[in-house]
């Protein structure tokens, strides 16, 4: 399964679990970046950023590393409904290596 297919499965699972509160969809994939839009009423007792982080946990189940990096857009209306666009980094975290001294 290629990365895009895995991401689609990740969002399918996220939407299955959180669909009554929030739905997510991929807006764009480019290089190691993925832009995901979240829209919904969101649970008031849950932290908003928990939704963005839940995508990361779902991705792990499909062998992907996905890290939320930045909220690009945030819109809320008067009826507890919101839309958020979040940039994620896809791939392994950089590993710090030290060169051995002679």
PDB file of N, CA and C in Angstrom:
ATOM      1  N   UNK A   1       0.854  -1.173   0.000  1.00  0.00           N
ATOM      2  CA  UNK A   1       0.000   0.000   0.000  1.00  0.00           C
ATOM      3  C   UNK A   1       0.903   1.242   0.000  1.00  0.00           C
ATOM      4  N   UNK A   2       0.661   2.173  -0.909  1.00  0.00           N
ATOM      5  CA  UNK A   2       1.472   3.387  -0.991  1.00  0.00           C
ATOM      6  C   UNK A   2       1.031   4.384   0.072  1.00  0.00           C
ATOM      7  N   UNK A   3       1.846   5.422   0.271  1.00  0.00           N
ATOM      8  CA  UNK A   3       1.616   6.385   1.343  1.00  0.00           C
ATOM      9  C   UNK A   3       0.242   7.044   1.233  1.00  0.00           C
ATOM     10  N   UNK A   4      -0.141   7.490   0.043  1.00  0.00           N
ATOM     11  CA  UNK A   4      -1.436   8.162  -0.105  1.00  0.00           C
ATOM     12  C   UNK A   4      -2.587   7.229   0.289  1.00  0.00           C
ATOM     13  N   UNK A   5      -2.506   5.974  -0.117  1.00  0.00           N
ATOM     14  CA  UNK A   5      -3.545   5.011   0.254  1.00  0.00           C
ATOM     15  C   UNK A   5      -3.581   4.806   1.764  1.00  0.00           C
ATOM     16  N   UNK A   6      -2.412   4.744   2.383  1.00  0.00           N
ATOM     17  CA  UNK A   6      -2.356   4.590   3.837  1.00  0.00           C
ATOM     18  C   UNK A   6      -2.970   5.800   4.532  1.00  0.00           C
ATOM     19  N   UNK A   7      -2.646   7.002   4.035  1.00  0.00           N
ATOM     20  CA  UNK A   7      -3.210   8.211   4.633  1.00  0.00           C
ATOM     21  C   UNK A   7      -4.727   8.240   4.495  1.00  0.00           C
ATOM     22  N   UNK A   8      -5.226   7.806   3.363  1.00  0.00           N
ATOM     23  CA  UNK A   8      -6.673   7.747   3.178  1.00  0.00           C
ATOM     24  C   UNK A   8      -7.311   6.784   4.176  1.00  0.00           C
ATOM     25  N   UNK A   9      -6.653   5.659   4.436  1.00  0.00           N
ATOM     26  CA  UNK A   9      -7.147   4.706   5.437  1.00  0.00           C
ATOM     27  C   UNK A   9      -7.092   5.317   6.843  1.00  0.00           C
ATOM     28  N   UNK A  10      -6.022   6.066   7.123  1.00  0.00           N
ATOM     29  CA  UNK A  10      -5.887   6.735   8.419  1.00  0.00           C
ATOM     30  C   UNK A  10      -7.064   7.680   8.635  1.00  0.00           C
ATOM     31  N   UNK A  11      -7.375   8.493   7.622  1.00  0.00           N
ATOM     32  CA  UNK A  11      -8.476   9.452   7.758  1.00  0.00           C
ATOM     33  C   UNK A  11      -9.829   8.758   7.794  1.00  0.00           C
ATOM     34  N   UNK A  12      -9.949   7.663   7.075  1.00  0.00           N
ATOM     35  CA  UNK A  12     -11.184   6.879   7.125  1.00  0.00           C
ATOM     36  C   UNK A  12     -11.436   6.382   8.551  1.00  0.00           C
ATOM     37  N   UNK A  13     -10.388   5.882   9.187  1.00  0.00           N
ATOM     38  CA  UNK A  13     -10.507   5.393  10.566  1.00  0.00           C
ATOM     39  C   UNK A  13     -10.770   6.555  11.536  1.00  0.00           C
ATOM     40  N   UNK A  14     -10.058   7.658  11.358  1.00  0.00           N
ATOM     41  CA  UNK A  14     -10.287   8.839  12.194  1.00  0.00           C
ATOM     42  C   UNK A  14     -11.747   9.283  12.086  1.00  0.00           C
ATOM     43  N   UNK A  15     -12.254   9.378  10.871  1.00  0.00           N
ATOM     44  CA  UNK A  15     -13.631   9.827  10.659  1.00  0.00           C
ATOM     45  C   UNK A  15     -14.640   8.828  11.222  1.00  0.00           C
ATOM     46  N   UNK A  16     -14.302   7.549  11.174  1.00  0.00           N
ATOM     47  CA  UNK A  16     -15.187   6.538  11.763  1.00  0.00           C
ATOM     48  C   UNK A  16     -15.278   6.738  13.281  1.00  0.00           C
ATOM     49  N   UNK A  17     -14.134   7.008  13.897  1.00  0.00           N
ATOM     50  CA  UNK A  17     -14.083   7.155  15.350  1.00  0.00           C
ATOM     51  C   UNK A  17     -14.583   8.518  15.845  1.00  0.00           C
ATOM     52  N   UNK A  18     -14.337   9.571  15.073  1.00  0.00           N
ATOM     53  CA  UNK A  18     -14.626  10.936  15.528  1.00  0.00           C
ATOM     54  C   UNK A  18     -15.697  11.637  14.698  1.00  0.00           C
ATOM     55  N   UNK A  19     -16.297  10.940  13.763  1.00  0.00           N
ATOM     56  CA  UNK A  19     -17.209  11.553  12.800  1.00  0.00           C
ATOM     57  C   UNK A  19     -18.356  12.346  13.381  1.00  0.00           C
ATOM     58  N   UNK A  20     -18.801  12.008  14.578  1.00  0.00           N
ATOM     59  CA  UNK A  20     -19.898  12.775  15.169  1.00  0.00           C
ATOM     60  C   UNK A  20     -19.413  14.141  15.657  1.00  0.00           C
ATOM     61  N   UNK A  21     -18.097  14.288  15.825  1.00  0.00           N
ATOM     62  CA  UNK A  21     -17.525  15.541  16.326  1.00  0.00           C
ATOM     63  C   UNK A  21     -16.684  16.264  15.291  1.00  0.00           C
ATOM     64  N   UNK A  22     -15.923  15.506  14.513  1.00  0.00           N
ATOM     65  CA  UNK A  22     -14.995  16.122  13.565  1.00  0.00           C
ATOM     66  C   UNK A  22     -14.724  15.173  12.409  1.00  0.00           C
ATOM     67  N   UNK A  23     -14.555  15.749  11.235  1.00  0.00           N
ATOM     68  CA  UNK A  23     -14.170  14.986  10.053  1.00  0.00           C
ATOM     69  C   UNK A  23     -12.889  15.582   9.497  1.00  0.00           C
ATOM     70  N   UNK A  24     -12.061  14.726   8.930  1.00  0.00           N
ATOM     71  CA  UNK A  24     -10.789  15.167   8.367  1.00  0.00           C
ATOM     72  C   UNK A  24     -10.703  14.732   6.911  1.00  0.00           C
ATOM     73  N   UNK A  25     -10.024  15.569   6.115  1.00  0.00           N
ATOM     74  CA  UNK A  25      -9.766  15.199   4.723  1.00  0.00           C
ATOM     75  C   UNK A  25      -8.450  15.811   4.282  1.00  0.00           C
ATOM     76  N   UNK A  26      -7.795  15.127   3.369  1.00  0.00           N
ATOM     77  CA  UNK A  26      -6.521  15.602   2.828  1.00  0.00           C
ATOM     78  C   UNK A  26      -6.809  16.704   1.825  1.00  0.00           C
ATOM     79  N   UNK A  27      -6.187  17.845   2.022  1.00  0.00           N
ATOM     80  CA  UNK A  27      -6.284  18.925   1.047  1.00  0.00           C
ATOM     81  C   UNK A  27      -5.150  18.850   0.035  1.00  0.00           C
ATOM     82  N   UNK A  28      -3.951  18.488   0.535  1.00  0.00           N
ATOM     83  CA  UNK A  28      -2.780  18.469  -0.356  1.00  0.00           C
ATOM     84  C   UNK A  28      -1.677  17.602   0.229  1.00  0.00           C
ATOM     85  N   UNK A  29      -0.974  16.922  -0.644  1.00  0.00           N
ATOM     86  CA  UNK A  29       0.230  16.169  -0.286  1.00  0.00           C
ATOM     87  C   UNK A  29       1.337  16.623  -1.215  1.00  0.00           C
ATOM     88  N   UNK A  30       2.458  16.998  -0.640  1.00  0.00           N
ATOM     89  CA  UNK A  30       3.588  17.421  -1.455  1.00  0.00           C
ATOM     90  C   UNK A  30       4.878  17.131  -0.699  1.00  0.00           C
ATOM     91  N   UNK A  31       5.731  16.321  -1.286  1.00  0.00           N
ATOM     92  CA  UNK A  31       6.976  15.957  -0.612  1.00  0.00           C
ATOM     93  C   UNK A  31       6.685  15.278   0.707  1.00  0.00           C
ATOM     94  N   UNK A  32       7.270  15.813   1.778  1.00  0.00           N
ATOM     95  CA  UNK A  32       7.047  15.218   3.104  1.00  0.00           C
ATOM     96  C   UNK A  32       5.996  15.998   3.901  1.00  0.00           C
ATOM     97  N   UNK A  33       5.176  16.803   3.204  1.00  0.00           N
ATOM     98  CA  UNK A  33       4.119  17.553   3.869  1.00  0.00           C
ATOM     99  C   UNK A  33       2.743  17.068   3.453  1.00  0.00           C
ATOM    100  N   UNK A  34       1.851  17.066   4.430  1.00  0.00           N
ATOM    101  CA  UNK A  34       0.451  16.736   4.189  1.00  0.00           C
ATOM    102  C   UNK A  34      -0.373  17.831   4.858  1.00  0.00           C
ATOM    103  N   UNK A  35      -1.312  18.395   4.111  1.00  0.00           N
ATOM    104  CA  UNK A  35      -2.210  19.412   4.650  1.00  0.00           C
ATOM    105  C   UNK A  35      -3.573  18.751   4.836  1.00  0.00           C
ATOM    106  N   UNK A  36      -4.061  18.765   6.079  1.00  0.00           N
ATOM    107  CA  UNK A  36      -5.323  18.106   6.417  1.00  0.00           C
ATOM    108  C   UNK A  36      -6.294  19.138   6.972  1.00  0.00           C
ATOM    109  N   UNK A  37      -7.521  19.090   6.491  1.00  0.00           N
ATOM    110  CA  UNK A  37      -8.582  19.966   6.976  1.00  0.00           C
ATOM    111  C   UNK A  37      -9.463  19.195   7.949  1.00  0.00           C
ATOM    112  N   UNK A  38      -9.742  19.816   9.077  1.00  0.00           N
ATOM    113  CA  UNK A  38     -10.659  19.269  10.081  1.00  0.00           C
ATOM    114  C   UNK A  38     -11.868  20.186  10.130  1.00  0.00           C
ATOM    115  N   UNK A  39     -13.042  19.586  10.180  1.00  0.00           N
ATOM    116  CA  UNK A  39     -14.254  20.388  10.269  1.00  0.00           C
ATOM    117  C   UNK A  39     -15.260  19.668  11.153  1.00  0.00           C
ATOM    118  N   UNK A  40     -15.938  20.419  12.015  1.00  0.00           N
ATOM    119  CA  UNK A  40     -16.947  19.811  12.861  1.00  0.00           C
ATOM    120  C   UNK A  40     -17.246  20.636  14.083  1.00  0.00           C
ATOM    121  N   UNK A  41     -17.971  20.026  15.004  1.00  0.00           N
ATOM    122  CA  UNK A  41     -18.355  20.717  16.239  1.00  0.00           C
ATOM    123  C   UNK A  41     -17.290  20.535  17.317  1.00  0.00           C
ATOM    124  N   UNK A  42     -16.492  19.490  17.242  1.00  0.00           N
ATOM    125  CA  UNK A  42     -15.427  19.187  18.187  1.00  0.00           C
ATOM    126  C   UNK A  42     -15.970  19.113  19.618  1.00  0.00           C
ATOM    127  N   UNK A  43     -15.509  18.156  20.357  1.00  0.00           N
ATOM    128  CA  UNK A  43     -15.942  17.948  21.736  1.00  0.00           C
ATOM    129  C   UNK A  43     -15.374  19.065  22.613  1.00  0.00           C
ATOM    130  N   UNK A  44     -16.234  19.730  23.344  1.00  0.00           N
ATOM    131  CA  UNK A  44     -15.801  20.856  24.170  1.00  0.00           C
ATOM    132  C   UNK A  44     -14.917  20.414  25.332  1.00  0.00           C
ATOM    133  N   UNK A  45     -15.082  19.184  25.801  1.00  0.00           N
ATOM    134  CA  UNK A  45     -14.286  18.727  26.941  1.00  0.00           C
ATOM    135  C   UNK A  45     -12.938  18.159  26.503  1.00  0.00           C
ATOM    136  N   UNK A  46     -12.795  17.853  25.223  1.00  0.00           N
ATOM    137  CA  UNK A  46     -11.519  17.372  24.691  1.00  0.00           C
ATOM    138  C   UNK A  46     -10.682  18.574  24.287  1.00  0.00           C
ATOM    139  N   UNK A  47      -9.404  18.441  24.325  1.00  0.00           N
ATOM    140  CA  UNK A  47      -8.553  19.504  23.820  1.00  0.00           C
ATOM    141  C   UNK A  47      -8.597  19.504  22.296  1.00  0.00           C
ATOM    142  N   UNK A  48      -8.708  20.665  21.709  1.00  0.00           N
ATOM    143  CA  UNK A  48      -8.767  20.774  20.252  1.00  0.00           C
ATOM    144  C   UNK A  48      -7.565  20.095  19.604  1.00  0.00           C
ATOM    145  N   UNK A  49      -6.387  20.321  20.167  1.00  0.00           N
ATOM    146  CA  UNK A  49      -5.175  19.762  19.571  1.00  0.00           C
ATOM    147  C   UNK A  49      -5.116  18.248  19.695  1.00  0.00           C
ATOM    148  N   UNK A  50      -5.916  17.675  20.578  1.00  0.00           N
ATOM    149  CA  UNK A  50      -5.981  16.217  20.684  1.00  0.00           C
ATOM    150  C   UNK A  50      -6.485  15.601  19.374  1.00  0.00           C
ATOM    151  N   UNK A  51      -7.406  16.286  18.695  1.00  0.00           N
ATOM    152  CA  UNK A  51      -7.896  15.787  17.411  1.00  0.00           C
ATOM    153  C   UNK A  51      -6.756  15.739  16.393  1.00  0.00           C
ATOM    154  N   UNK A  52      -5.943  16.790  16.378  1.00  0.00           N
ATOM    155  CA  UNK A  52      -4.835  16.851  15.431  1.00  0.00           C
ATOM    156  C   UNK A  52      -3.796  15.775  15.744  1.00  0.00           C
ATOM    157  N   UNK A  53      -3.612  15.505  17.026  1.00  0.00           N
ATOM    158  CA  UNK A  53      -2.647  14.495  17.453  1.00  0.00           C
ATOM    159  C   UNK A  53      -3.176  13.075  17.225  1.00  0.00           C
ATOM    160  N   UNK A  54      -4.499  12.889  17.298  1.00  0.00           N
ATOM    161  CA  UNK A  54      -5.081  11.561  17.077  1.00  0.00           C
ATOM    162  C   UNK A  54      -4.751  11.021  15.685  1.00  0.00           C
ATOM    163  N   UNK A  55      -4.637  11.906  14.704  1.00  0.00           N
ATOM    164  CA  UNK A  55      -4.252  11.481  13.354  1.00  0.00           C
ATOM    165  C   UNK A  55      -2.876  10.817  13.405  1.00  0.00           C
ATOM    166  N   UNK A  56      -1.987  11.373  14.200  1.00  0.00           N
ATOM    167  CA  UNK A  56      -0.638  10.801  14.333  1.00  0.00           C
ATOM    168  C   UNK A  56      -0.706   9.375  14.874  1.00  0.00           C
ATOM    169  N   UNK A  57      -1.549   9.158  15.881  1.00  0.00           N
ATOM    170  CA  UNK A  57      -1.668   7.824  16.476  1.00  0.00           C
ATOM    171  C   UNK A  57      -2.297   6.843  15.493  1.00  0.00           C
ATOM    172  N   UNK A  58      -3.304   7.284  14.757  1.00  0.00           N
ATOM    173  CA  UNK A  58      -3.911   6.421  13.739  1.00  0.00           C
ATOM    174  C   UNK A  58      -2.884   6.046  12.672  1.00  0.00           C
ATOM    175  N   UNK A  59      -2.048   7.011  12.285  1.00  0.00           N
ATOM    176  CA  UNK A  59      -1.041   6.768  11.251  1.00  0.00           C
ATOM    177  C   UNK A  59      -0.054   5.678  11.677  1.00  0.00           C
ATOM    178  N   UNK A  60       0.282   5.648  12.955  1.00  0.00           N
ATOM    179  CA  UNK A  60       1.209   4.624  13.450  1.00  0.00           C
ATOM    180  C   UNK A  60       0.681   3.226  13.187  1.00  0.00           C
ATOM    181  N   UNK A  61      -0.642   3.055  13.287  1.00  0.00           N
ATOM    182  CA  UNK A  61      -1.242   1.742  13.035  1.00  0.00           C
ATOM    183  C   UNK A  61      -1.056   1.291  11.590  1.00  0.00           C
ATOM    184  N   UNK A  62      -0.785   2.248  10.699  1.00  0.00           N
ATOM    185  CA  UNK A  62      -0.565   1.927   9.286  1.00  0.00           C
ATOM    186  C   UNK A  62       0.904   2.058   8.897  1.00  0.00           C
ATOM    187  N   UNK A  63       1.778   2.135   9.901  1.00  0.00           N
ATOM    188  CA  UNK A  63       3.212   2.190   9.645  1.00  0.00           C
ATOM    189  C   UNK A  63       3.707   3.536   9.146  1.00  0.00           C
ATOM    190  N   UNK A  64       2.956   4.598   9.409  1.00  0.00           N
ATOM    191  CA  UNK A  64       3.364   5.936   8.983  1.00  0.00           C
ATOM    192  C   UNK A  64       3.742   6.784  10.186  1.00  0.00           C
ATOM    193  N   UNK A  65       4.719   7.646   9.979  1.00  0.00           N
ATOM    194  CA  UNK A  65       5.045   8.648  10.989  1.00  0.00           C
ATOM    195  C   UNK A  65       4.526   9.975  10.468  1.00  0.00           C
ATOM    196  N   UNK A  66       3.622  10.575  11.218  1.00  0.00           N
ATOM    197  CA  UNK A  66       2.963  11.805  10.815  1.00  0.00           C
ATOM    198  C   UNK A  66       2.949  12.734  12.015  1.00  0.00           C
ATOM    199  N   UNK A  67       3.547  13.892  11.886  1.00  0.00           N
ATOM    200  CA  UNK A  67       3.694  14.808  13.011  1.00  0.00           C
ATOM    201  C   UNK A  67       3.005  16.139  12.708  1.00  0.00           C
ATOM    202  N   UNK A  68       2.047  16.576  13.555  1.00  0.00           N
ATOM    203  CA  UNK A  68       1.451  17.895  13.333  1.00  0.00           C
ATOM    204  C   UNK A  68       2.500  18.981  13.553  1.00  0.00           C
ATOM    205  N   UNK A  69       2.564  19.923  12.618  1.00  0.00           N
ATOM    206  CA  UNK A  69       3.602  20.943  12.676  1.00  0.00           C
ATOM    207  C   UNK A  69       3.024  22.331  12.946  1.00  0.00           C
ATOM    208  N   UNK A  70       1.908  22.652  12.266  1.00  0.00           N
ATOM    209  CA  UNK A  70       1.405  24.023  12.345  1.00  0.00           C
ATOM    210  C   UNK A  70      -0.080  24.074  11.962  1.00  0.00           C
ATOM    211  N   UNK A  71      -0.838  24.877  12.690  1.00  0.00           N
ATOM    212  CA  UNK A  71      -2.217  25.155  12.308  1.00  0.00           C
ATOM    213  C   UNK A  71      -2.156  26.340  11.341  1.00  0.00           C
ATOM    214  N   UNK A  72      -2.532  26.093  10.093  1.00  0.00           N
ATOM    215  CA  UNK A  72      -2.447  27.119   9.059  1.00  0.00           C
ATOM    216  C   UNK A  72      -3.667  28.034   9.036  1.00  0.00           C
ATOM    217  N   UNK A  73      -4.836  27.475   9.327  1.00  0.00           N
ATOM    218  CA  UNK A  73      -6.073  28.247   9.332  1.00  0.00           C
ATOM    219  C   UNK A  73      -6.936  27.786  10.496  1.00  0.00           C
ATOM    220  N   UNK A  74      -7.654  28.721  11.092  1.00  0.00           N
ATOM    221  CA  UNK A  74      -8.592  28.394  12.168  1.00  0.00           C
ATOM    222  C   UNK A  74      -9.807  29.298  12.025  1.00  0.00           C
ATOM    223  N   UNK A  75     -10.962  28.693  11.856  1.00  0.00           N
ATOM    224  CA  UNK A  75     -12.206  29.445  11.740  1.00  0.00           C
ATOM    225  C   UNK A  75     -13.219  28.835  12.699  1.00  0.00           C
ATOM    226  N   UNK A  76     -13.911  29.673  13.444  1.00  0.00           N
ATOM    227  CA  UNK A  76     -14.969  29.204  14.336  1.00  0.00           C
ATOM    228  C   UNK A  76     -16.172  30.100  14.152  1.00  0.00           C
ATOM    229  N   UNK A  77     -17.371  29.508  14.217  1.00  0.00           N
ATOM    230  CA  UNK A  77     -18.578  30.329  14.126  1.00  0.00           C
ATOM    231  C   UNK A  77     -19.251  30.410  15.490  1.00  0.00           C
ATOM    232  N   UNK A  78     -20.381  31.040  15.545  1.00  0.00           N
ATOM    233  CA  UNK A  78     -21.088  31.251  16.811  1.00  0.00           C
ATOM    234  C   UNK A  78     -21.762  29.999  17.355  1.00  0.00           C
ATOM    235  N   UNK A  79     -21.811  28.940  16.572  1.00  0.00           N
ATOM    236  CA  UNK A  79     -22.540  27.743  16.980  1.00  0.00           C
ATOM    237  C   UNK A  79     -21.621  26.566  17.274  1.00  0.00           C
ATOM    238  N   UNK A  80     -20.440  26.858  17.842  1.00  0.00           N
ATOM    239  CA  UNK A  80     -19.480  25.826  18.230  1.00  0.00           C
ATOM    240  C   UNK A  80     -19.099  24.916  17.074  1.00  0.00           C
ATOM    241  N   UNK A  81     -18.968  25.475  15.923  1.00  0.00           N
ATOM    242  CA  UNK A  81     -18.532  24.735  14.743  1.00  0.00           C
ATOM    243  C   UNK A  81     -17.219  25.357  14.282  1.00  0.00           C
ATOM    244  N   UNK A  82     -16.301  24.518  13.863  1.00  0.00           N
ATOM    245  CA  UNK A  82     -15.017  25.054  13.449  1.00  0.00           C
ATOM    246  C   UNK A  82     -14.435  24.347  12.246  1.00  0.00           C
ATOM    247  N   UNK A  83     -13.474  25.004  11.649  1.00  0.00           N
ATOM    248  CA  UNK A  83     -12.709  24.460  10.531  1.00  0.00           C
ATOM    249  C   UNK A  83     -11.250  24.824  10.777  1.00  0.00           C
ATOM    250  N   UNK A  84     -10.387  23.807  10.694  1.00  0.00           N
ATOM    251  CA  UNK A  84      -8.973  24.004  10.954  1.00  0.00           C
ATOM    252  C   UNK A  84      -8.175  23.301   9.862  1.00  0.00           C
ATOM    253  N   UNK A  85      -7.140  23.958   9.404  1.00  0.00           N
ATOM    254  CA  UNK A  85      -6.251  23.372   8.405  1.00  0.00           C
ATOM    255  C   UNK A  85      -4.891  23.223   9.068  1.00  0.00           C
ATOM    256  N   UNK A  86      -4.396  21.979   9.070  1.00  0.00           N
ATOM    257  CA  UNK A  86      -3.172  21.662   9.807  1.00  0.00           C
ATOM    258  C   UNK A  86      -2.131  21.068   8.860  1.00  0.00           C
ATOM    259  N   UNK A  87      -0.909  21.560   8.992  1.00  0.00           N
ATOM    260  CA  UNK A  87       0.215  21.030   8.211  1.00  0.00           C
ATOM    261  C   UNK A  87       0.909  19.948   9.040  1.00  0.00           C
ATOM    262  N   UNK A  88       1.120  18.806   8.408  1.00  0.00           N
ATOM    263  CA  UNK A  88       1.813  17.677   9.029  1.00  0.00           C
ATOM    264  C   UNK A  88       3.094  17.382   8.264  1.00  0.00           C
ATOM    265  N   UNK A  89       4.075  16.869   8.976  1.00  0.00           N
ATOM    266  CA  UNK A  89       5.293  16.376   8.361  1.00  0.00           C
ATOM    267  C   UNK A  89       5.216  14.863   8.346  1.00  0.00           C
ATOM    268  N   UNK A  90       5.497  14.291   7.197  1.00  0.00           N
ATOM    269  CA  UNK A  90       5.420  12.851   6.997  1.00  0.00           C
ATOM    270  C   UNK A  90       6.832  12.282   6.940  1.00  0.00           C
ATOM    271  N   UNK A  91       7.061  11.211   7.670  1.00  0.00           N
ATOM    272  CA  UNK A  91       8.360  10.552   7.594  1.00  0.00           C
ATOM    273  C   UNK A  91       9.044  10.483   8.936  1.00  0.00           C
ATOM    274  N   UNK A  92      10.221   9.967   8.887  1.00  0.00           N
ATOM    275  CA  UNK A  92      10.975   9.770  10.113  1.00  0.00           C
ATOM    276  C   UNK A  92      11.527  11.080  10.642  1.00  0.00           C
ATOM    277  N   UNK A  93      11.638  11.148  11.961  1.00  0.00           N
ATOM    278  CA  UNK A  93      12.239  12.311  12.598  1.00  0.00           C
ATOM    279  C   UNK A  93      13.743  12.264  12.337  1.00  0.00           C
ATOM    280  N   UNK A  94      14.368  13.428  12.209  1.00  0.00           N
ATOM    281  CA  UNK A  94      15.820  13.422  12.013  1.00  0.00           C
ATOM    282  C   UNK A  94      16.515  12.813  13.228  1.00  0.00           C
ATOM    283  N   UNK A  95      17.531  12.067  12.960  1.00  0.00           N
ATOM    284  CA  UNK A  95      18.300  11.424  14.034  1.00  0.00           C
ATOM    285  C   UNK A  95      19.613  12.184  14.220  1.00  0.00           C
ATOM    286  N   UNK A  96      19.875  12.582  15.421  1.00  0.00           N
ATOM    287  CA  UNK A  96      21.114  13.285  15.734  1.00  0.00           C
ATOM    288  C   UNK A  96      22.232  12.269  15.845  1.00  0.00           C
ATOM    289  N   UNK A  97      23.274  12.474  15.068  1.00  0.00           N
ATOM    290  CA  UNK A  97      24.423  11.578  15.154  1.00  0.00           C
ATOM    291  C   UNK A  97      25.645  12.400  15.560  1.00  0.00           C
ATOM    292  N   UNK A  98      26.493  11.781  16.323  1.00  0.00           N
ATOM    293  CA  UNK A  98      27.729  12.430  16.754  1.00  0.00           C
ATOM    294  C   UNK A  98      28.897  11.738  16.068  1.00  0.00           C
ATOM    295  N   UNK A  99      29.800  12.546  15.554  1.00  0.00           N
ATOM    296  CA  UNK A  99      30.992  11.980  14.936  1.00  0.00           C
ATOM    297  C   UNK A  99      31.988  11.625  16.030  1.00  0.00           C
ATOM    298  N   UNK A 100      32.546  10.440  15.932  1.00  0.00           N
ATOM    299  CA  UNK A 100      33.548  10.003  16.931  1.00  0.00           C
ATOM    300  C   UNK A 100      34.817  10.805  16.748  1.00  0.00           C
ATOM    301  N   UNK A 101      35.367  11.250  17.858  1.00  0.00           N
ATOM    302  CA  UNK A 101      36.633  11.994  17.803  1.00  0.00           C
ATOM    303  C   UNK A 101      37.783  11.008  17.862  1.00  0.00           C
ATOM    304  N   UNK A 102      38.798  11.297  17.090  1.00  0.00           N
ATOM    305  CA  UNK A 102      39.998  10.418  17.077  1.00  0.00           C
ATOM    306  C   UNK A 102      40.829  10.626  18.302  1.00  0.00           C
TER     307      UNK A 102
END
